[in-house]
Amino acid sequence: MTRERRGRAERPDRPVRRDTQRSPRPGQASGTRANPGERTSARRRTSTATDPGTGRARESASAARKSAAAATPRRPWYRRPAVMGVVGLVVVVALGVVAWFTPLLSVRETDVSGASSISEEQIRLALAVPQGQPLLRVDTEGAAQRVAAIPKVASARVQRVYPSTIRVTVTERVPVVFIDTPGGTHLLDAEAVDYEIAPPPPGVPLLVTEDPGWGDPSTEAAIEVLESMPPQLRGQVGQVAAKSISDISVTLLDGRIVVWGGTEKSERKAAVTLPLLTQPGQTYDVSSPDLPTVR
């Protein structure tokens, strides 16, 4: 009995099974095993958070950015583009108001150029720009049209000349031919405009057509022939007659006649006529300039 008890007492106890499950790491749920990738990321985060060198580098970079921002000069508010744009606009508007209303920039003088047979007083009356009117209020286009309405004016230009002058430049009409009418002698310019009743100046020939005047094809053709002549030939012409645009002839001051034909090849015809007139004859036909004839 004693031996049996002793035998049971000497029998070793059963080994106790130890729990081999590891304790969860911080941030890992109990009962789950950590992923190797997660363990690596955790080690990196821990290393970064605890690396004093990395923290100092970040602090140094932040301090450098703040120092650079403090060292960069800031523009004064009055030099900023938006402010300067507003100021410029205000200045322009102010100058416009001053120029529109102030008497400092008003008409005090009228300068006329290009007029020889027209009086300056007649031009000023047609201009109709009163003294003292602000220059900006002067309608230069309308004033030029009023001056150009003078019959002897071919064109007119009106300009503002600051601070106080209106400049008028006119181009007068020049007579090219004249026509005889029951009402008197009419002068026509190079555009066939009948602009004045007056005696013809020396060297201006008589025009003979069925319906002389502006817009008449025969009149325009006759004037074109005269314009193509050199001065030494044109100065000998006393009359130009145009029965049609293709039947034009000129009568010289000495009574000789030059049959011109149409307006085509007029420069060639003029070049042939001058030497041809050195030959004796009464009628010189240059309507075919390559085969001129003298009768």
C-alpha atoms as a PDB file:
ATOM      1  CA  MET A   1       0.000   0.000   0.000  1.00  0.00           C
ATOM      2  CA  THR A   2       2.781   2.230   0.912  1.00  0.00           C
ATOM      3  CA  ARG A   3       4.739   1.151  -2.162  1.00  0.00           C
ATOM      4  CA  GLU A   4       1.711   1.750  -4.401  1.00  0.00           C
ATOM      5  CA  ARG A   5       1.170   5.217  -3.044  1.00  0.00           C
ATOM      6  CA  ARG A   6       4.845   5.910  -3.338  1.00  0.00           C
ATOM      7  CA  GLY A   7       4.742   4.737  -6.910  1.00  0.00           C
ATOM      8  CA  ARG A   8       1.903   7.031  -7.720  1.00  0.00           C
ATOM      9  CA  ALA A   9       3.633   9.817  -5.890  1.00  0.00           C
ATOM     10  CA  GLU A  10       6.838   9.331  -7.833  1.00  0.00           C
ATOM     11  CA  ARG A  11       5.025   9.294 -11.208  1.00  0.00           C
ATOM     12  CA  PRO A  12       5.795  12.558 -12.900  1.00  0.00           C
ATOM     13  CA  ASP A  13       3.000  14.964 -13.682  1.00  0.00           C
ATOM     14  CA  ARG A  14       1.824  15.352 -17.245  1.00  0.00           C
ATOM     15  CA  PRO A  15       3.574  18.101 -19.084  1.00  0.00           C
ATOM     16  CA  VAL A  16       1.581  21.281 -19.343  1.00  0.00           C
ATOM     17  CA  ARG A  17       1.117  22.511 -22.973  1.00  0.00           C
ATOM     18  CA  ARG A  18       2.367  25.997 -23.322  1.00  0.00           C
ATOM     19  CA  ASP A  19       0.444  28.465 -25.455  1.00  0.00           C
ATOM     20  CA  THR A  20       2.729  29.195 -28.361  1.00  0.00           C
ATOM     21  CA  GLN A  21       0.606  32.056 -29.643  1.00  0.00           C
ATOM     22  CA  ARG A  22       2.556  35.274 -29.489  1.00  0.00           C
ATOM     23  CA  SER A  23       1.278  38.393 -27.911  1.00  0.00           C
ATOM     24  CA  PRO A  24      -0.099  40.863 -30.443  1.00  0.00           C
ATOM     25  CA  ARG A  25       2.162  43.721 -31.475  1.00  0.00           C
ATOM     26  CA  PRO A  26       1.077  47.228 -30.800  1.00  0.00           C
ATOM     27  CA  GLY A  27      -1.513  48.249 -33.349  1.00  0.00           C
ATOM     28  CA  GLN A  28      -2.343  44.570 -34.182  1.00  0.00           C
ATOM     29  CA  ALA A  29      -5.662  43.014 -33.172  1.00  0.00           C
ATOM     30  CA  SER A  30      -5.558  40.138 -30.739  1.00  0.00           C
ATOM     31  CA  GLY A  31      -5.783  36.732 -32.323  1.00  0.00           C
ATOM     32  CA  THR A  32      -4.455  37.855 -35.749  1.00  0.00           C
ATOM     33  CA  ARG A  33      -1.023  37.469 -37.164  1.00  0.00           C
ATOM     34  CA  ALA A  34       0.765  40.502 -38.531  1.00  0.00           C
ATOM     35  CA  ASN A  35       1.352  40.740 -42.296  1.00  0.00           C
ATOM     36  CA  PRO A  36       5.074  40.926 -43.152  1.00  0.00           C
ATOM     37  CA  GLY A  37       4.435  44.032 -45.299  1.00  0.00           C
ATOM     38  CA  GLU A  38       2.651  45.700 -42.423  1.00  0.00           C
ATOM     39  CA  ARG A  39       5.509  44.886 -40.111  1.00  0.00           C
ATOM     40  CA  THR A  40       7.931  46.517 -42.582  1.00  0.00           C
ATOM     41  CA  SER A  41       5.782  49.667 -42.875  1.00  0.00           C
ATOM     42  CA  ALA A  42       5.469  49.872 -39.109  1.00  0.00           C
ATOM     43  CA  ARG A  43       9.238  49.625 -38.762  1.00  0.00           C
ATOM     44  CA  ARG A  44       9.679  52.390 -41.346  1.00  0.00           C
ATOM     45  CA  ARG A  45       7.198  54.652 -39.591  1.00  0.00           C
ATOM     46  CA  THR A  46       8.832  54.027 -36.285  1.00  0.00           C
ATOM     47  CA  SER A  47      12.253  54.683 -37.780  1.00  0.00           C
ATOM     48  CA  THR A  48      11.094  57.917 -39.424  1.00  0.00           C
ATOM     49  CA  ALA A  49       9.362  59.167 -36.328  1.00  0.00           C
ATOM     50  CA  THR A  50      12.300  58.429 -34.144  1.00  0.00           C
ATOM     51  CA  ASP A  51      15.060  59.555 -36.584  1.00  0.00           C
ATOM     52  CA  PRO A  52      16.291  62.882 -35.209  1.00  0.00           C
ATOM     53  CA  GLY A  53      18.204  63.673 -38.417  1.00  0.00           C
ATOM     54  CA  THR A  54      15.047  63.627 -40.565  1.00  0.00           C
ATOM     55  CA  GLY A  55      13.204  65.924 -38.176  1.00  0.00           C
ATOM     56  CA  ARG A  56      16.058  68.392 -38.171  1.00  0.00           C
ATOM     57  CA  ALA A  57      16.135  68.368 -42.007  1.00  0.00           C
ATOM     58  CA  ARG A  58      12.449  69.191 -42.180  1.00  0.00           C
ATOM     59  CA  GLU A  59      12.831  71.988 -39.698  1.00  0.00           C
ATOM     60  CA  SER A  60      15.788  73.385 -41.662  1.00  0.00           C
ATOM     61  CA  ALA A  61      13.822  73.317 -44.964  1.00  0.00           C
ATOM     62  CA  SER A  62      10.843  75.054 -43.359  1.00  0.00           C
ATOM     63  CA  ALA A  63      13.098  77.702 -41.844  1.00  0.00           C
ATOM     64  CA  ALA A  64      14.777  78.274 -45.232  1.00  0.00           C
ATOM     65  CA  ARG A  65      11.417  78.784 -46.956  1.00  0.00           C
ATOM     66  CA  LYS A  66      10.322  81.267 -44.330  1.00  0.00           C
ATOM     67  CA  SER A  67      13.633  83.127 -44.607  1.00  0.00           C
ATOM     68  CA  ALA A  68      13.352  83.329 -48.425  1.00  0.00           C
ATOM     69  CA  ALA A  69       9.781  84.617 -48.189  1.00  0.00           C
ATOM     70  CA  ALA A  70      10.850  87.243 -45.670  1.00  0.00           C
ATOM     71  CA  ALA A  71      13.804  88.302 -47.856  1.00  0.00           C
ATOM     72  CA  THR A  72      11.604  88.803 -50.989  1.00  0.00           C
ATOM     73  CA  PRO A  73      10.535  92.472 -51.130  1.00  0.00           C
ATOM     74  CA  ARG A  74       6.832  93.090 -51.560  1.00  0.00           C
ATOM     75  CA  ARG A  75       5.560  95.717 -53.996  1.00  0.00           C
ATOM     76  CA  PRO A  76       3.955  98.763 -52.444  1.00  0.00           C
ATOM     77  CA  TRP A  77       0.207  98.722 -52.925  1.00  0.00           C
ATOM     78  CA  TYR A  78       0.292 101.758 -55.198  1.00  0.00           C
ATOM     79  CA  ARG A  79       2.661 100.001 -57.633  1.00  0.00           C
ATOM     80  CA  ARG A  80       0.519  96.949 -58.189  1.00  0.00           C
ATOM     81  CA  PRO A  81      -0.764  96.492 -61.777  1.00  0.00           C
ATOM     82  CA  ALA A  82      -4.438  96.728 -60.871  1.00  0.00           C
ATOM     83  CA  VAL A  83      -3.948  99.966 -58.937  1.00  0.00           C
ATOM     84  CA  MET A  84      -1.791 101.483 -61.672  1.00  0.00           C
ATOM     85  CA  GLY A  85      -4.375 100.546 -64.311  1.00  0.00           C
ATOM     86  CA  VAL A  86      -7.157 102.277 -62.390  1.00  0.00           C
ATOM     87  CA  VAL A  87      -4.990 105.356 -61.866  1.00  0.00           C
ATOM     88  CA  GLY A  88      -4.126 105.478 -65.583  1.00  0.00           C
ATOM     89  CA  LEU A  89      -7.791 105.246 -66.548  1.00  0.00           C
ATOM     90  CA  VAL A  90      -8.692 108.053 -64.170  1.00  0.00           C
ATOM     91  CA  VAL A  91      -5.929 110.240 -65.617  1.00  0.00           C
ATOM     92  CA  VAL A  92      -7.087 109.627 -69.200  1.00  0.00           C
ATOM     93  CA  VAL A  93     -10.704 110.423 -68.342  1.00  0.00           C
ATOM     94  CA  ALA A  94      -9.630 113.562 -66.502  1.00  0.00           C
ATOM     95  CA  LEU A  95      -7.563 114.754 -69.457  1.00  0.00           C
ATOM     96  CA  GLY A  96     -10.470 114.083 -71.810  1.00  0.00           C
ATOM     97  CA  VAL A  97     -12.845 116.106 -69.640  1.00  0.00           C
ATOM     98  CA  VAL A  98     -10.347 118.956 -69.454  1.00  0.00           C
ATOM     99  CA  ALA A  99      -9.777 118.936 -73.227  1.00  0.00           C
ATOM    100  CA  TRP A 100     -13.535 118.817 -73.881  1.00  0.00           C
ATOM    101  CA  PHE A 101     -14.517 121.716 -71.664  1.00  0.00           C
ATOM    102  CA  THR A 102     -11.476 123.866 -70.979  1.00  0.00           C
ATOM    103  CA  PRO A 103     -10.979 127.090 -72.976  1.00  0.00           C
ATOM    104  CA  LEU A 104      -7.220 126.442 -72.958  1.00  0.00           C
ATOM    105  CA  LEU A 105      -7.639 124.031 -75.903  1.00  0.00           C
ATOM    106  CA  SER A 106     -10.124 126.066 -77.914  1.00  0.00           C
ATOM    107  CA  VAL A 107      -9.976 127.510 -81.431  1.00  0.00           C
ATOM    108  CA  ARG A 108      -8.132 130.815 -81.540  1.00  0.00           C
ATOM    109  CA  GLU A 109      -6.565 130.645 -85.005  1.00  0.00           C
ATOM    110  CA  THR A 110      -7.451 129.305 -88.479  1.00  0.00           C
ATOM    111  CA  ASP A 111      -4.633 128.458 -90.878  1.00  0.00           C
ATOM    112  CA  VAL A 112      -5.548 128.188 -94.589  1.00  0.00           C
ATOM    113  CA  SER A 113      -3.183 126.816 -97.231  1.00  0.00           C
ATOM    114  CA  GLY A 114      -3.495 125.887-100.910  1.00  0.00           C
ATOM    115  CA  ALA A 115      -5.888 128.674-101.858  1.00  0.00           C
ATOM    116  CA  SER A 116      -4.829 131.069-104.606  1.00  0.00           C
ATOM    117  CA  SER A 117      -7.980 132.112-106.447  1.00  0.00           C
ATOM    118  CA  ILE A 118     -10.269 131.640-103.432  1.00  0.00           C
ATOM    119  CA  SER A 119     -10.205 134.147-100.596  1.00  0.00           C
ATOM    120  CA  GLU A 120      -9.443 132.945 -97.082  1.00  0.00           C
ATOM    121  CA  GLU A 121     -12.523 134.759 -95.871  1.00  0.00           C
ATOM    122  CA  GLN A 122     -14.707 132.638 -98.158  1.00  0.00           C
ATOM    123  CA  ILE A 123     -13.070 129.494 -96.815  1.00  0.00           C
ATOM    124  CA  ARG A 124     -13.538 130.558 -93.181  1.00  0.00           C
ATOM    125  CA  LEU A 125     -17.198 131.282 -93.796  1.00  0.00           C
ATOM    126  CA  ALA A 126     -17.694 127.830 -95.312  1.00  0.00           C
ATOM    127  CA  LEU A 127     -15.672 126.253 -92.488  1.00  0.00           C
ATOM    128  CA  ALA A 128     -18.179 127.549 -89.902  1.00  0.00           C
ATOM    129  CA  VAL A 129     -15.967 126.882 -86.877  1.00  0.00           C
ATOM    130  CA  PRO A 130     -16.412 129.692 -84.324  1.00  0.00           C
ATOM    131  CA  GLN A 131     -13.557 131.112 -82.318  1.00  0.00           C
ATOM    132  CA  GLY A 132     -13.441 129.779 -78.774  1.00  0.00           C
ATOM    133  CA  GLN A 133     -14.940 126.375 -79.588  1.00  0.00           C
ATOM    134  CA  PRO A 134     -13.009 123.515 -77.915  1.00  0.00           C
ATOM    135  CA  LEU A 135     -10.875 121.713 -80.473  1.00  0.00           C
ATOM    136  CA  LEU A 136     -12.259 118.298 -79.559  1.00  0.00           C
ATOM    137  CA  ARG A 137     -15.770 119.495 -80.370  1.00  0.00           C
ATOM    138  CA  VAL A 138     -14.825 120.510 -83.920  1.00  0.00           C
ATOM    139  CA  ASP A 139     -16.289 118.126 -86.506  1.00  0.00           C
ATOM    140  CA  THR A 140     -13.334 118.121 -88.893  1.00  0.00           C
ATOM    141  CA  GLU A 141     -15.011 115.848 -91.442  1.00  0.00           C
ATOM    142  CA  GLY A 142     -18.134 117.972 -91.599  1.00  0.00           C
ATOM    143  CA  ALA A 143     -16.048 121.145 -91.841  1.00  0.00           C
ATOM    144  CA  ALA A 144     -14.028 119.676 -94.723  1.00  0.00           C
ATOM    145  CA  GLN A 145     -17.225 118.773 -96.577  1.00  0.00           C
ATOM    146  CA  ARG A 146     -18.497 122.341 -96.204  1.00  0.00           C
ATOM    147  CA  VAL A 147     -15.262 123.759 -97.605  1.00  0.00           C
ATOM    148  CA  ALA A 148     -15.243 121.235-100.477  1.00  0.00           C
ATOM    149  CA  ALA A 149     -18.729 122.448-101.427  1.00  0.00           C
ATOM    150  CA  ILE A 150     -17.149 125.661-102.724  1.00  0.00           C
ATOM    151  CA  PRO A 151     -17.307 125.223-106.529  1.00  0.00           C
ATOM    152  CA  LYS A 152     -13.652 126.037-107.138  1.00  0.00           C
ATOM    153  CA  VAL A 153     -12.435 123.588-104.446  1.00  0.00           C
ATOM    154  CA  ALA A 154     -11.576 120.095-105.667  1.00  0.00           C
ATOM    155  CA  SER A 155     -10.818 118.721-102.189  1.00  0.00           C
ATOM    156  CA  ALA A 156     -10.349 119.967 -98.635  1.00  0.00           C
ATOM    157  CA  ARG A 157      -8.806 118.677 -95.436  1.00  0.00           C
ATOM    158  CA  VAL A 158      -9.380 120.048 -91.937  1.00  0.00           C
ATOM    159  CA  GLN A 159      -7.075 119.196 -89.012  1.00  0.00           C
ATOM    160  CA  ARG A 160      -6.778 120.088 -85.332  1.00  0.00           C
ATOM    161  CA  VAL A 161      -3.395 121.529 -84.403  1.00  0.00           C
ATOM    162  CA  TYR A 162      -3.004 121.770 -80.648  1.00  0.00           C
ATOM    163  CA  PRO A 163      -3.237 123.818 -78.612  1.00  0.00           C
ATOM    164  CA  SER A 164      -5.527 126.226 -80.492  1.00  0.00           C
ATOM    165  CA  THR A 165      -5.372 126.057 -84.315  1.00  0.00           C
ATOM    166  CA  ILE A 166      -7.585 124.712 -87.078  1.00  0.00           C
ATOM    167  CA  ARG A 167      -5.637 123.966 -90.256  1.00  0.00           C
ATOM    168  CA  VAL A 168      -7.443 123.943 -93.610  1.00  0.00           C
ATOM    169  CA  THR A 169      -5.706 122.571 -96.706  1.00  0.00           C
ATOM    170  CA  VAL A 170      -7.517 123.005-100.021  1.00  0.00           C
ATOM    171  CA  THR A 171      -6.836 121.853-103.558  1.00  0.00           C
ATOM    172  CA  GLU A 172      -8.333 124.139-106.159  1.00  0.00           C
ATOM    173  CA  ARG A 173      -9.791 123.049-109.443  1.00  0.00           C
ATOM    174  CA  VAL A 174      -7.656 123.751-112.505  1.00  0.00           C
ATOM    175  CA  PRO A 175      -9.347 124.481-115.853  1.00  0.00           C
ATOM    176  CA  VAL A 176      -8.526 122.021-118.637  1.00  0.00           C
ATOM    177  CA  VAL A 177     -11.045 123.107-121.291  1.00  0.00           C
ATOM    178  CA  PHE A 178     -13.779 125.688-121.637  1.00  0.00           C
ATOM    179  CA  ILE A 179     -17.154 125.610-123.376  1.00  0.00           C
ATOM    180  CA  ASP A 180     -19.160 128.434-124.907  1.00  0.00           C
ATOM    181  CA  THR A 181     -22.802 128.692-123.850  1.00  0.00           C
ATOM    182  CA  PRO A 182     -25.429 131.393-124.206  1.00  0.00           C
ATOM    183  CA  GLY A 183     -24.888 132.097-120.526  1.00  0.00           C
ATOM    184  CA  GLY A 184     -21.156 132.652-120.886  1.00  0.00           C
ATOM    185  CA  THR A 185     -17.882 130.778-120.908  1.00  0.00           C
ATOM    186  CA  HIS A 186     -17.753 127.801-118.539  1.00  0.00           C
ATOM    187  CA  LEU A 187     -14.546 126.289-117.207  1.00  0.00           C
ATOM    188  CA  LEU A 188     -14.202 122.515-116.814  1.00  0.00           C
ATOM    189  CA  ASP A 189     -11.505 120.735-114.804  1.00  0.00           C
ATOM    190  CA  ALA A 190      -9.801 117.382-115.446  1.00  0.00           C
ATOM    191  CA  GLU A 191     -12.843 115.544-114.054  1.00  0.00           C
ATOM    192  CA  ALA A 192     -15.131 117.374-116.498  1.00  0.00           C
ATOM    193  CA  VAL A 193     -16.713 119.340-113.642  1.00  0.00           C
ATOM    194  CA  ASP A 194     -18.212 122.641-114.754  1.00  0.00           C
ATOM    195  CA  TYR A 195     -17.222 124.776-111.781  1.00  0.00           C
ATOM    196  CA  GLU A 196     -17.049 128.415-112.864  1.00  0.00           C
ATOM    197  CA  ILE A 197     -18.245 130.946-115.383  1.00  0.00           C
ATOM    198  CA  ALA A 198     -15.205 133.023-116.273  1.00  0.00           C
ATOM    199  CA  PRO A 199     -12.959 133.938-119.199  1.00  0.00           C
ATOM    200  CA  PRO A 200     -10.610 131.064-120.070  1.00  0.00           C
ATOM    201  CA  PRO A 201      -6.998 131.421-118.996  1.00  0.00           C
ATOM    202  CA  PRO A 202      -4.346 131.409-121.732  1.00  0.00           C
ATOM    203  CA  GLY A 203      -3.548 127.914-123.029  1.00  0.00           C
ATOM    204  CA  VAL A 204      -6.959 126.418-122.197  1.00  0.00           C
ATOM    205  CA  PRO A 205      -8.592 125.098-125.414  1.00  0.00           C
ATOM    206  CA  LEU A 206     -12.228 125.163-126.463  1.00  0.00           C
ATOM    207  CA  LEU A 207     -14.164 121.912-126.111  1.00  0.00           C
ATOM    208  CA  VAL A 208     -16.704 121.066-128.790  1.00  0.00           C
ATOM    209  CA  THR A 209     -19.050 118.136-128.068  1.00  0.00           C
ATOM    210  CA  GLU A 210     -22.755 117.478-128.370  1.00  0.00           C
ATOM    211  CA  ASP A 211     -23.385 117.452-124.610  1.00  0.00           C
ATOM    212  CA  PRO A 212     -20.310 118.794-122.797  1.00  0.00           C
ATOM    213  CA  GLY A 213     -20.011 118.315-119.077  1.00  0.00           C
ATOM    214  CA  TRP A 214     -19.465 115.818-116.277  1.00  0.00           C
ATOM    215  CA  GLY A 215     -20.591 112.270-117.081  1.00  0.00           C
ATOM    216  CA  ASP A 216     -20.501 112.739-120.857  1.00  0.00           C
ATOM    217  CA  PRO A 217     -18.281 110.021-122.419  1.00  0.00           C
ATOM    218  CA  SER A 218     -17.198 112.230-125.326  1.00  0.00           C
ATOM    219  CA  THR A 219     -16.191 115.021-122.970  1.00  0.00           C
ATOM    220  CA  GLU A 220     -14.182 112.635-120.813  1.00  0.00           C
ATOM    221  CA  ALA A 221     -12.481 111.122-123.891  1.00  0.00           C
ATOM    222  CA  ALA A 222     -11.482 114.544-125.226  1.00  0.00           C
ATOM    223  CA  ILE A 223      -9.987 115.527-121.872  1.00  0.00           C
ATOM    224  CA  GLU A 224      -8.106 112.213-121.704  1.00  0.00           C
ATOM    225  CA  VAL A 225      -6.516 112.966-125.081  1.00  0.00           C
ATOM    226  CA  LEU A 226      -5.386 116.392-123.909  1.00  0.00           C
ATOM    227  CA  GLU A 227      -3.954 114.933-120.692  1.00  0.00           C
ATOM    228  CA  SER A 228      -1.836 112.472-122.709  1.00  0.00           C
ATOM    229  CA  MET A 229      -0.103 115.219-124.716  1.00  0.00           C
ATOM    230  CA  PRO A 230       3.300 116.577-123.728  1.00  0.00           C
ATOM    231  CA  PRO A 231       3.342 120.304-122.831  1.00  0.00           C
ATOM    232  CA  GLN A 232       5.003 121.354-126.120  1.00  0.00           C
ATOM    233  CA  LEU A 233       2.139 119.808-128.102  1.00  0.00           C
ATOM    234  CA  ARG A 234      -0.678 120.681-125.742  1.00  0.00           C
ATOM    235  CA  GLY A 235       0.342 124.322-125.750  1.00  0.00           C
ATOM    236  CA  GLN A 236      -0.388 124.470-129.509  1.00  0.00           C
ATOM    237  CA  VAL A 237      -3.969 123.167-129.185  1.00  0.00           C
ATOM    238  CA  GLY A 238      -6.718 125.756-129.600  1.00  0.00           C
ATOM    239  CA  GLN A 239      -9.702 123.403-129.842  1.00  0.00           C
ATOM    240  CA  VAL A 240     -10.564 119.759-129.225  1.00  0.00           C
ATOM    241  CA  ALA A 241     -13.650 118.274-130.855  1.00  0.00           C
ATOM    242  CA  ALA A 242     -15.202 114.933-129.968  1.00  0.00           C
ATOM    243  CA  LYS A 243     -18.036 113.674-132.149  1.00  0.00           C
ATOM    244  CA  SER A 244     -17.772 110.373-130.266  1.00  0.00           C
ATOM    245  CA  ILE A 245     -15.269 108.565-128.081  1.00  0.00           C
ATOM    246  CA  SER A 246     -13.589 107.154-131.210  1.00  0.00           C
ATOM    247  CA  ASP A 247     -13.731 110.282-133.389  1.00  0.00           C
ATOM    248  CA  ILE A 248     -11.620 112.976-131.760  1.00  0.00           C
ATOM    249  CA  SER A 249      -9.632 115.694-133.489  1.00  0.00           C
ATOM    250  CA  VAL A 250      -7.661 118.714-132.325  1.00  0.00           C
ATOM    251  CA  THR A 251      -7.203 122.049-134.070  1.00  0.00           C
ATOM    252  CA  LEU A 252      -3.921 123.850-133.489  1.00  0.00           C
ATOM    253  CA  LEU A 253      -3.636 127.575-132.942  1.00  0.00           C
ATOM    254  CA  ASP A 254      -2.309 127.996-136.497  1.00  0.00           C
ATOM    255  CA  GLY A 255      -5.373 126.238-137.966  1.00  0.00           C
ATOM    256  CA  ARG A 256      -3.843 122.829-138.730  1.00  0.00           C
ATOM    257  CA  ILE A 257      -5.868 119.767-137.770  1.00  0.00           C
ATOM    258  CA  VAL A 258      -4.686 116.554-136.117  1.00  0.00           C
ATOM    259  CA  VAL A 259      -7.017 113.568-136.536  1.00  0.00           C
ATOM    260  CA  TRP A 260      -6.607 111.597-133.343  1.00  0.00           C
ATOM    261  CA  GLY A 261      -9.236 108.898-133.479  1.00  0.00           C
ATOM    262  CA  GLY A 262      -9.907 107.188-130.127  1.00  0.00           C
ATOM    263  CA  THR A 263      -8.128 107.311-126.778  1.00  0.00           C
ATOM    264  CA  GLU A 264      -6.182 104.087-127.309  1.00  0.00           C
ATOM    265  CA  LYS A 265      -2.415 104.466-127.824  1.00  0.00           C
ATOM    266  CA  SER A 266      -2.653 108.177-127.032  1.00  0.00           C
ATOM    267  CA  GLU A 267       0.911 108.424-125.769  1.00  0.00           C
ATOM    268  CA  ARG A 268       2.207 106.784-128.946  1.00  0.00           C
ATOM    269  CA  LYS A 269       0.099 109.160-131.056  1.00  0.00           C
ATOM    270  CA  ALA A 270       1.459 112.176-129.185  1.00  0.00           C
ATOM    271  CA  ALA A 271       5.038 111.004-129.755  1.00  0.00           C
ATOM    272  CA  VAL A 272       4.361 110.623-133.510  1.00  0.00           C
ATOM    273  CA  THR A 273       2.560 113.961-133.880  1.00  0.00           C
ATOM    274  CA  LEU A 274       5.405 116.249-132.802  1.00  0.00           C
ATOM    275  CA  PRO A 275       7.900 115.252-135.524  1.00  0.00           C
ATOM    276  CA  LEU A 276       5.055 114.904-138.033  1.00  0.00           C
ATOM    277  CA  LEU A 277       4.118 118.557-137.585  1.00  0.00           C
ATOM    278  CA  THR A 278       7.503 119.567-138.987  1.00  0.00           C
ATOM    279  CA  GLN A 279       6.291 118.422-142.402  1.00  0.00           C
ATOM    280  CA  PRO A 280       4.190 120.750-144.550  1.00  0.00           C
ATOM    281  CA  GLY A 281       0.495 119.972-144.645  1.00  0.00           C
ATOM    282  CA  GLN A 282      -2.933 120.860-143.281  1.00  0.00           C
ATOM    283  CA  THR A 283      -4.286 117.597-141.874  1.00  0.00           C
ATOM    284  CA  TYR A 284      -2.202 115.125-139.878  1.00  0.00           C
ATOM    285  CA  ASP A 285      -3.818 111.758-139.285  1.00  0.00           C
ATOM    286  CA  VAL A 286      -2.331 109.797-136.371  1.00  0.00           C
ATOM    287  CA  SER A 287      -5.360 107.603-135.667  1.00  0.00           C
ATOM    288  CA  SER A 288      -3.077 104.716-136.731  1.00  0.00           C
ATOM    289  CA  PRO A 289       0.189 105.848-135.147  1.00  0.00           C
ATOM    290  CA  ASP A 290       2.246 103.226-136.968  1.00  0.00           C
ATOM    291  CA  LEU A 291       0.982 104.519-140.355  1.00  0.00           C
ATOM    292  CA  PRO A 292       0.492 108.301-139.982  1.00  0.00           C
ATOM    293  CA  THR A 293      -0.478 110.391-143.004  1.00  0.00           C
ATOM    294  CA  VAL A 294      -0.169 114.047-143.959  1.00  0.00           C
ATOM    295  CA  ARG A 295      -2.478 115.807-146.383  1.00  0.00           C
END
